[in-house]
């Protein structure tokens, strides 16, 4: 009945920082923290500070029974608006003539913060950071097959909103389709 309390009551599976396990609950707790600190819902905060400056006006974001937006997913946006998020990160937080998000934070968010063993990507702050062959490329993976891919070296933002595919194959397919870096 209370998602946040239920998450806080879960026992630790491992000492923090010892093992990687993607956990949607952590993102939901972050949404609850943002909501409490902003004195508004996370969606209202995002609308004021991020979406409105980017010209994003149509979105939906379900809540838990206490009214906390589902930090782990189900933020509903158009592909064009998802691309605006990718474009903002490609330009280190700058949109047109305004710094929306600090460049330093964008740099940290898109840098590996947590190693992910046996994977082609590590994890940043909400972004999967490719390593090896696709170094420099980073992606946001959404529930149901949504992907924002940012390839700074190629000045590319790509959005995919289909489902039922292997997300790890998207970056290789995208990069194979690029015929020139000009």
Protein backbone atom coordinates (compact mmCIF):
# COMPACT_ATOMS: atom_id res chain seq x y z
CA UNK A 1 0.00 0.00 0.00
CA UNK A 2 2.95 2.39 0.56
CA UNK A 3 5.61 1.88 -2.10
CA UNK A 4 8.24 4.16 -0.59
CA UNK A 5 7.97 2.63 2.87
CA UNK A 6 7.99 -0.86 1.37
CA UNK A 7 11.22 -0.05 -0.48
CA UNK A 8 12.83 1.40 2.64
CA UNK A 9 11.87 -1.72 4.61
CA UNK A 10 13.57 -4.13 2.19
CA UNK A 11 16.69 -5.82 3.59
CA UNK A 12 20.03 -5.07 1.91
CA UNK A 13 21.06 -7.84 -0.49
CA UNK A 14 24.69 -6.73 -0.35
CA UNK A 15 26.77 -3.96 1.18
CA UNK A 16 26.26 -0.73 -0.81
CA UNK A 17 28.87 -0.36 -3.54
CA UNK A 18 29.82 -4.05 -3.58
CA UNK A 19 27.54 -5.40 -6.32
CA UNK A 20 25.62 -3.92 -9.22
CA UNK A 21 21.95 -4.70 -9.57
CA UNK A 22 19.66 -2.36 -11.46
CA UNK A 23 16.82 -1.54 -9.10
CA UNK A 24 13.77 0.41 -10.25
CA UNK A 25 12.91 1.01 -6.60
CA UNK A 26 15.97 3.23 -6.20
CA UNK A 27 14.65 5.53 -8.92
CA UNK A 28 11.27 5.63 -7.19
CA UNK A 29 12.94 6.61 -3.91
CA UNK A 30 14.76 9.37 -5.77
CA UNK A 31 11.40 10.62 -7.08
CA UNK A 32 10.06 10.70 -3.51
CA UNK A 33 13.14 12.65 -2.34
CA UNK A 34 12.80 15.16 -5.19
CA UNK A 35 9.12 15.59 -4.45
CA UNK A 36 9.76 16.22 -0.76
CA UNK A 37 12.61 18.69 -1.38
CA UNK A 38 10.78 20.51 -4.19
CA UNK A 39 7.50 20.74 -2.22
CA UNK A 40 5.70 19.52 -5.34
CA UNK A 41 5.36 16.34 -7.33
CA UNK A 42 8.41 15.27 -9.29
CA UNK A 43 6.42 15.87 -12.46
CA UNK A 44 5.58 19.45 -11.43
CA UNK A 45 9.24 20.05 -10.56
CA UNK A 46 10.36 18.61 -13.91
CA UNK A 47 7.77 20.69 -15.76
CA UNK A 48 9.08 23.91 -14.17
CA UNK A 49 12.79 23.26 -14.38
CA UNK A 50 13.27 20.97 -17.38
CA UNK A 51 10.28 20.35 -19.61
CA UNK A 52 8.97 23.92 -19.99
CA UNK A 53 12.40 25.33 -20.92
CA UNK A 54 12.71 22.56 -23.54
CA UNK A 55 9.25 23.27 -24.95
CA UNK A 56 7.88 19.94 -23.73
CA UNK A 57 4.25 20.45 -22.72
CA UNK A 58 2.49 17.15 -23.25
CA UNK A 59 3.42 14.29 -20.96
CA UNK A 60 1.97 11.94 -18.43
CA UNK A 61 3.55 10.29 -15.43
CA UNK A 62 1.57 7.92 -13.21
CA UNK A 63 1.96 7.99 -9.44
CA UNK A 64 2.01 5.49 -6.60
CA UNK A 65 -0.88 5.44 -4.07
CA UNK A 66 0.75 8.33 -2.14
CA UNK A 67 1.03 10.54 -5.25
CA UNK A 68 4.77 10.01 -5.85
CA UNK A 69 5.52 9.91 -9.57
CA UNK A 70 6.88 6.52 -10.63
CA UNK A 71 10.58 7.33 -10.71
CA UNK A 72 11.31 4.00 -12.32
CA UNK A 73 9.35 4.63 -15.48
CA UNK A 74 6.15 5.16 -17.37
CA UNK A 75 6.90 8.81 -18.09
CA UNK A 76 4.96 9.23 -21.32
CA UNK A 77 6.47 11.58 -23.90
CA UNK A 78 6.62 11.83 -27.67
CA UNK A 79 9.74 10.62 -29.50
CA UNK A 80 10.48 14.25 -30.48
CA UNK A 81 10.42 15.27 -26.81
CA UNK A 82 12.64 12.34 -25.85
CA UNK A 83 15.06 13.57 -28.52
CA UNK A 84 15.07 16.99 -26.83
CA UNK A 85 16.36 15.32 -23.65
CA UNK A 86 19.10 13.61 -25.68
CA UNK A 87 19.94 16.89 -27.44
CA UNK A 88 20.19 18.66 -24.07
CA UNK A 89 22.73 16.06 -22.91
CA UNK A 90 24.59 16.12 -26.23
CA UNK A 91 25.10 19.85 -25.64
CA UNK A 92 26.17 19.39 -22.02
CA UNK A 93 22.97 20.80 -20.51
CA UNK A 94 22.62 23.77 -22.84
CA UNK A 95 19.41 24.47 -24.76
CA UNK A 96 19.48 27.31 -27.24
CA UNK A 97 20.95 30.24 -25.26
CA UNK A 98 20.27 28.85 -21.78
CA UNK A 99 22.09 26.41 -19.48
CA UNK A 100 19.22 24.20 -18.24
CA UNK A 101 21.35 21.59 -16.44
CA UNK A 102 24.92 22.20 -15.29
CA UNK A 103 27.58 20.95 -17.70
CA UNK A 104 29.46 19.43 -14.77
CA UNK A 105 26.44 17.37 -13.76
CA UNK A 106 25.86 16.20 -17.35
CA UNK A 107 29.52 15.15 -17.52
CA UNK A 108 29.18 13.15 -14.28
CA UNK A 109 25.83 11.65 -15.28
CA UNK A 110 27.22 10.39 -18.58
CA UNK A 111 30.42 8.97 -17.11
CA UNK A 112 30.56 5.45 -15.68
CA UNK A 113 29.81 5.63 -11.97
CA UNK A 114 29.21 1.95 -11.36
CA UNK A 115 30.96 -0.88 -13.19
CA UNK A 116 28.61 -3.52 -14.54
CA UNK A 117 30.42 -6.85 -14.85
CA UNK A 118 29.80 -8.99 -17.95
CA UNK A 119 28.10 -6.13 -19.78
CA UNK A 120 28.96 -3.90 -22.74
CA UNK A 121 27.99 -0.86 -20.67
CA UNK A 122 28.56 0.53 -17.20
CA UNK A 123 26.06 2.75 -15.38
CA UNK A 124 26.14 6.52 -14.87
CA UNK A 125 23.34 8.58 -13.33
CA UNK A 126 20.40 7.12 -15.24
CA UNK A 127 22.48 6.50 -18.37
CA UNK A 128 24.11 3.31 -19.65
CA UNK A 129 27.68 4.18 -20.61
CA UNK A 130 29.06 2.03 -23.41
CA UNK A 131 32.59 0.71 -23.19
CA UNK A 132 34.91 -1.12 -25.55
CA UNK A 133 33.97 -0.77 -29.19
CA UNK A 134 31.31 1.92 -28.58
CA UNK A 135 33.16 4.05 -26.04
CA UNK A 136 31.76 7.57 -25.76
CA UNK A 137 28.21 6.53 -26.58
CA UNK A 138 25.59 6.58 -23.83
CA UNK A 139 21.93 5.60 -23.62
CA UNK A 140 18.85 5.98 -21.48
CA UNK A 141 16.78 2.81 -21.57
CA UNK A 142 13.12 3.12 -20.72
CA UNK A 143 10.55 0.56 -19.76
CA UNK A 144 9.00 -1.22 -22.69
CA UNK A 145 11.80 -0.60 -25.17
CA UNK A 146 12.25 3.18 -25.20
CA UNK A 147 15.84 4.29 -25.89
CA UNK A 148 17.59 7.64 -26.16
CA UNK A 149 21.04 7.13 -27.69
CA UNK A 150 23.62 9.92 -27.66
CA UNK A 151 26.81 9.64 -29.72
CA UNK A 152 28.74 12.87 -29.02
CA UNK A 153 31.64 12.08 -31.38
CA UNK A 154 29.16 11.80 -34.26
CA UNK A 155 26.87 14.64 -33.07
CA UNK A 156 23.94 12.20 -33.12
CA UNK A 157 20.88 11.76 -30.93
CA UNK A 158 18.63 8.84 -31.85
CA UNK A 159 15.36 7.80 -30.24
CA UNK A 160 13.73 4.41 -30.51
CA UNK A 161 10.25 3.78 -29.09
CA UNK A 162 9.56 0.24 -30.24
CA UNK A 163 9.45 -2.74 -27.99
CA UNK A 164 10.27 -6.41 -27.82
CA UNK A 165 13.83 -6.26 -29.07
CA UNK A 166 17.30 -6.69 -27.61
CA UNK A 167 18.32 -3.22 -26.36
CA UNK A 168 22.00 -4.13 -26.46
CA UNK A 169 21.78 -4.47 -30.25
CA UNK A 170 20.50 -0.92 -30.88
CA UNK A 171 23.84 0.91 -30.62
CA UNK A 172 25.66 -1.45 -33.02
CA UNK A 173 22.82 -1.16 -35.55
CA UNK A 174 22.75 2.63 -35.29
CA UNK A 175 26.50 3.02 -35.68
CA UNK A 176 26.58 0.56 -38.58
CA UNK A 177 24.02 2.78 -40.36
CA UNK A 178 26.27 5.86 -40.09
CA UNK A 179 28.11 6.16 -43.37
CA UNK A 180 30.17 9.25 -42.60
CA UNK A 181 31.06 11.47 -39.69
CA UNK A 182 30.52 14.61 -41.79
